[in-house]
């Protein structure tokens, strides 16, 4: 293509070289190894070796374990035949209170859900028509205000 002439001079900016940065040296991490002193607990069946008499401490008697813990009066116990264990069961008053509370809360939740669904189905068309009327009025007022006044030529 003849007649274009010389090329357009483009601006040039020289960027200086980056200064040398030394590599940081990081020391190795140190960790304190946890340690503990083991607690020596003698077994409950500890007996002196044969031939050695143990010393009886005055005023102290060996603790005896009670066979069964004390039972609460409001708790009934049921014997499980396979395990030969007694399982605690709440008293009748506690069971009646728990069951009636659970029943009332579930019934209230189901009733509230049904009422809410019915209200949504009733109010949905009302809200929809009100929304369309409001948006229609806004569109009409915005288009009429922009058309009023001298034309821009």
Protein backbone atom coordinates (compact mmCIF):
# COMPACT_ATOMS: atom_id res chain seq x y z
CA UNK A 1 0.00 0.00 0.00
CA UNK A 2 1.78 3.07 -1.19
CA UNK A 3 1.26 6.41 0.46
CA UNK A 4 1.06 5.39 4.06
CA UNK A 5 4.23 7.19 5.03
CA UNK A 6 6.29 6.56 8.10
CA UNK A 7 5.03 4.32 10.91
CA UNK A 8 3.52 5.98 13.97
CA UNK A 9 6.04 6.32 16.82
CA UNK A 10 4.79 4.27 19.78
CA UNK A 11 5.64 5.37 23.32
CA UNK A 12 8.38 3.38 24.99
CA UNK A 13 9.04 3.00 28.67
CA UNK A 14 12.16 1.35 29.99
CA UNK A 15 11.61 -0.75 33.09
CA UNK A 16 14.63 -1.04 35.38
CA UNK A 17 15.95 -4.41 36.44
CA UNK A 18 14.62 -5.82 39.72
CA UNK A 19 17.02 -5.44 42.66
CA UNK A 20 18.51 -8.70 43.88
CA UNK A 21 16.72 -10.09 46.94
CA UNK A 22 18.44 -12.65 49.11
CA UNK A 23 16.62 -15.90 49.85
CA UNK A 24 15.25 -15.87 53.41
CA UNK A 25 16.64 -18.49 55.71
CA UNK A 26 14.14 -20.19 57.91
CA UNK A 27 15.16 -22.03 61.03
CA UNK A 28 13.81 -25.50 61.60
CA UNK A 29 10.71 -25.65 63.76
CA UNK A 30 11.03 -27.02 67.27
CA UNK A 31 8.39 -29.04 69.04
CA UNK A 32 8.12 -29.92 72.68
CA UNK A 33 7.41 -33.61 72.94
CA UNK A 34 4.64 -34.17 75.47
CA UNK A 35 5.49 -36.31 78.42
CA UNK A 36 3.63 -37.44 81.50
CA UNK A 37 4.28 -39.27 84.70
CA UNK A 38 2.29 -42.47 84.68
CA UNK A 39 -0.12 -42.83 87.56
CA UNK A 40 0.27 -46.16 89.25
CA UNK A 41 -3.04 -47.49 90.51
CA UNK A 42 -2.89 -50.75 92.42
CA UNK A 43 -5.50 -53.37 91.50
CA UNK A 44 -8.49 -53.77 93.78
CA UNK A 45 -7.55 -57.39 94.52
CA UNK A 46 -4.03 -56.54 95.73
CA UNK A 47 -2.89 -59.00 98.37
CA UNK A 48 0.48 -59.27 100.13
CA UNK A 49 2.69 -62.10 98.94
CA UNK A 50 2.43 -65.35 100.92
CA UNK A 51 4.47 -65.35 104.13
CA UNK A 52 4.28 -61.57 104.64
CA UNK A 53 1.84 -60.11 107.11
CA UNK A 54 0.31 -56.82 106.17
CA UNK A 55 0.10 -53.98 108.66
CA UNK A 56 -3.34 -52.94 109.79
CA UNK A 57 -3.81 -49.18 109.77
CA UNK A 58 -5.64 -47.81 112.75
CA UNK A 59 -8.90 -45.96 112.24
CA UNK A 60 -9.17 -46.93 108.57
CA UNK A 61 -11.29 -49.75 107.36
CA UNK A 62 -11.30 -51.02 103.83
CA UNK A 63 -14.09 -49.50 101.77
CA UNK A 64 -16.84 -51.91 100.84
CA UNK A 65 -18.81 -51.41 97.69
CA UNK A 66 -22.57 -51.54 97.89
CA UNK A 67 -24.02 -54.17 95.61
CA UNK A 68 -26.77 -51.95 94.19
CA UNK A 69 -26.99 -48.17 93.94
CA UNK A 70 -29.92 -46.44 95.56
CA UNK A 71 -33.01 -46.36 93.39
CA UNK A 72 -35.04 -43.24 92.74
CA UNK A 73 -38.71 -43.57 93.80
CA UNK A 74 -40.09 -42.06 90.54
CA UNK A 75 -38.29 -44.62 88.37
CA UNK A 76 -39.56 -48.14 87.81
CA UNK A 77 -37.19 -50.97 86.94
CA UNK A 78 -37.78 -53.79 84.47
CA UNK A 79 -35.71 -56.97 84.63
CA UNK A 80 -34.37 -58.05 81.21
CA UNK A 81 -34.25 -61.87 81.29
CA UNK A 82 -31.49 -62.42 78.70
CA UNK A 83 -29.08 -59.94 80.26
CA UNK A 84 -30.19 -60.43 83.86
CA UNK A 85 -30.05 -56.67 84.30
CA UNK A 86 -32.53 -54.16 85.61
CA UNK A 87 -33.34 -51.38 83.15
CA UNK A 88 -34.80 -48.11 84.46
CA UNK A 89 -38.16 -47.05 83.03
CA UNK A 90 -39.84 -43.72 83.88
CA UNK A 91 -42.95 -43.75 86.03
CA UNK A 92 -46.42 -43.61 84.49
CA UNK A 93 -46.89 -39.91 85.32
CA UNK A 94 -43.70 -38.97 83.49
CA UNK A 95 -44.62 -41.11 80.46
CA UNK A 96 -48.12 -39.62 80.22
CA UNK A 97 -46.73 -36.09 80.40
CA UNK A 98 -44.11 -36.77 77.72
CA UNK A 99 -46.56 -38.46 75.34
CA UNK A 100 -49.23 -35.77 75.71
CA UNK A 101 -46.68 -32.98 75.17
CA UNK A 102 -45.36 -34.66 72.03
CA UNK A 103 -48.86 -35.26 70.68
CA UNK A 104 -49.96 -31.66 71.22
CA UNK A 105 -46.82 -30.25 69.60
CA UNK A 106 -47.16 -32.46 66.51
CA UNK A 107 -50.87 -31.65 66.18
CA UNK A 108 -50.20 -27.91 66.48
CA UNK A 109 -47.48 -28.11 63.83
CA UNK A 110 -49.71 -29.98 61.39
CA UNK A 111 -52.62 -27.60 61.96
CA UNK A 112 -50.43 -24.52 61.50
CA UNK A 113 -49.02 -25.96 58.27
CA UNK A 114 -52.49 -26.59 56.87
CA UNK A 115 -53.69 -23.09 57.81
CA UNK A 116 -50.60 -21.48 56.29
CA UNK A 117 -51.04 -23.37 53.00
CA UNK A 118 -54.71 -22.35 52.83
CA UNK A 119 -53.85 -18.69 53.50
CA UNK A 120 -51.17 -18.73 50.81
CA UNK A 121 -53.61 -20.12 48.26
CA UNK A 122 -56.20 -17.46 49.23
CA UNK A 123 -53.87 -14.45 49.28
CA UNK A 124 -51.77 -15.32 46.22
CA UNK A 125 -54.28 -14.08 43.60
CA UNK A 126 -55.04 -10.93 45.64
CA UNK A 127 -51.38 -10.03 45.96
CA UNK A 128 -50.78 -10.82 42.29
CA UNK A 129 -53.54 -8.49 41.07
CA UNK A 130 -52.45 -5.74 43.46
CA UNK A 131 -48.87 -6.05 42.23
CA UNK A 132 -49.89 -5.81 38.57
CA UNK A 133 -52.02 -2.73 39.31
CA UNK A 134 -49.13 -1.04 41.14
CA UNK A 135 -46.63 -1.79 38.39
CA UNK A 136 -49.12 -0.69 35.72
CA UNK A 137 -49.62 2.66 37.48
CA UNK A 138 -45.87 3.18 37.74
CA UNK A 139 -45.39 2.44 34.05
CA UNK A 140 -48.20 4.83 33.10
CA UNK A 141 -46.90 7.63 35.33
CA UNK A 142 -43.30 7.23 34.14
CA UNK A 143 -44.26 7.22 30.46
CA UNK A 144 -46.62 10.22 30.82
CA UNK A 145 -44.05 12.28 32.74
CA UNK A 146 -41.39 11.69 30.14
CA UNK A 147 -43.70 12.61 27.26
CA UNK A 148 -44.89 15.84 28.88
CA UNK A 149 -42.68 18.79 28.01
CA UNK A 150 -41.02 20.07 24.86
CA UNK A 151 -39.67 17.45 22.46
CA UNK A 152 -35.90 17.07 22.25
CA UNK A 153 -34.74 17.69 18.70
